[in-house]
Amino acid sequence: MPFLLAHLSDPHLAPLPRPRPSELIGKRITGYLNWQLRRRFIHDRRVLDALVDDLNKHDTDHIAVTGDIVNIAAKAEFAPGAAWLAGLGPARNVSFVPGNHDIYVAQAERHAAQAWGRYMTGDSGGTGFPYLRARGALALIGLSTGVPTRAGMATGTLGERQVAALSALLRDCKRAGMFRVLLIHHPPASEAAPHKRLIDAALLKDALASDGAELLLHGHDHKAMLNWLEGPNGTRVPAIGVPSASAAPAAAEHAAAYNLYAIDGAPGAWTCNMIARGIGPDGKVAELQRVNLVRGAAG
């Protein structure tokens, strides 16, 4: 049977708990005002719950969440985030990587590690990024682009150390004959404004061009995306993004959706079929598209 992997991103859990007054300084105050004036009308918990209910109807083997559970990284947001992750499944079956909202300010990294650490820990039990989780023939490799930035900025950074460690993992997993899936928040290819991009995307692209991967999943841009990145020896790596999992169809440009990936085969003969499912104007979840990612054909 194919391995069934689900991917959703950017749930931006609503409602936003009331921050402590001491938290509403610096970047958080601008984020809080942005939430009250705009974002709270976009991110709807009922939409998110409907999407997850639909996902639960499929017999998935694993669920990947690529960041931005919280909104301004107030301390009161992390426990609800942990409860939401637990609702998806046990930590062995759910992998998470942080986004820019999860590491909104410097102290947020510690809160995220305490609340969600078991969902972003590799099989070795060690902490830090990249992490590796082997699930059948799949190698799930989690990367972190979440770094604190100043107000008005939503950029991400990997850093040379993390990319060097990634390259080593990609080579090891290839030698083991595994289907390599990268999980990252910021996309390496994006049309977003510079203040929202992955600053060192070139480093990641170089690593993929040299060492390859079978699939890269991301969030951040809040829309359905498919970009083909250069791999070694003329191969291509599909980089796929999804809309925010809580985006209300009446308020967001791209309504909430998630993807399913049916992965089967062996090295040199992998099959990977993507099924996109999303919420329509009627609030119901339906199939949106099917794509054969080996052949690049859409249906």
Foldseek 3Di string as FASTA:
>chain_A
DFAKEKEAEALADDDAPDADPVLCDFQLVVQVVCCVVAVVVFFAVLLLVQQLVVVVVDPHQAYEYQENQHGQLGLVSLQVSLVVQVVSHDLLRYAYEYFQNCPQDPVSVVSNCVRPVSRQAAPVRDDDPQHWHDDPLETETEFYQHHHDGHPAREGERDPVRLVVVLVVLQVSVVVFGQYEYRHAFFLDDPDDPRNHHPVSVSNLVSQQERNHAEYEYERVQDWDWDWGHHYPRDTYTYTYFHHQRGQPVRDPHFHKMKMWGWDDTVVDIWIKIWIWGADNVSHIDTDWIATSVVRDID
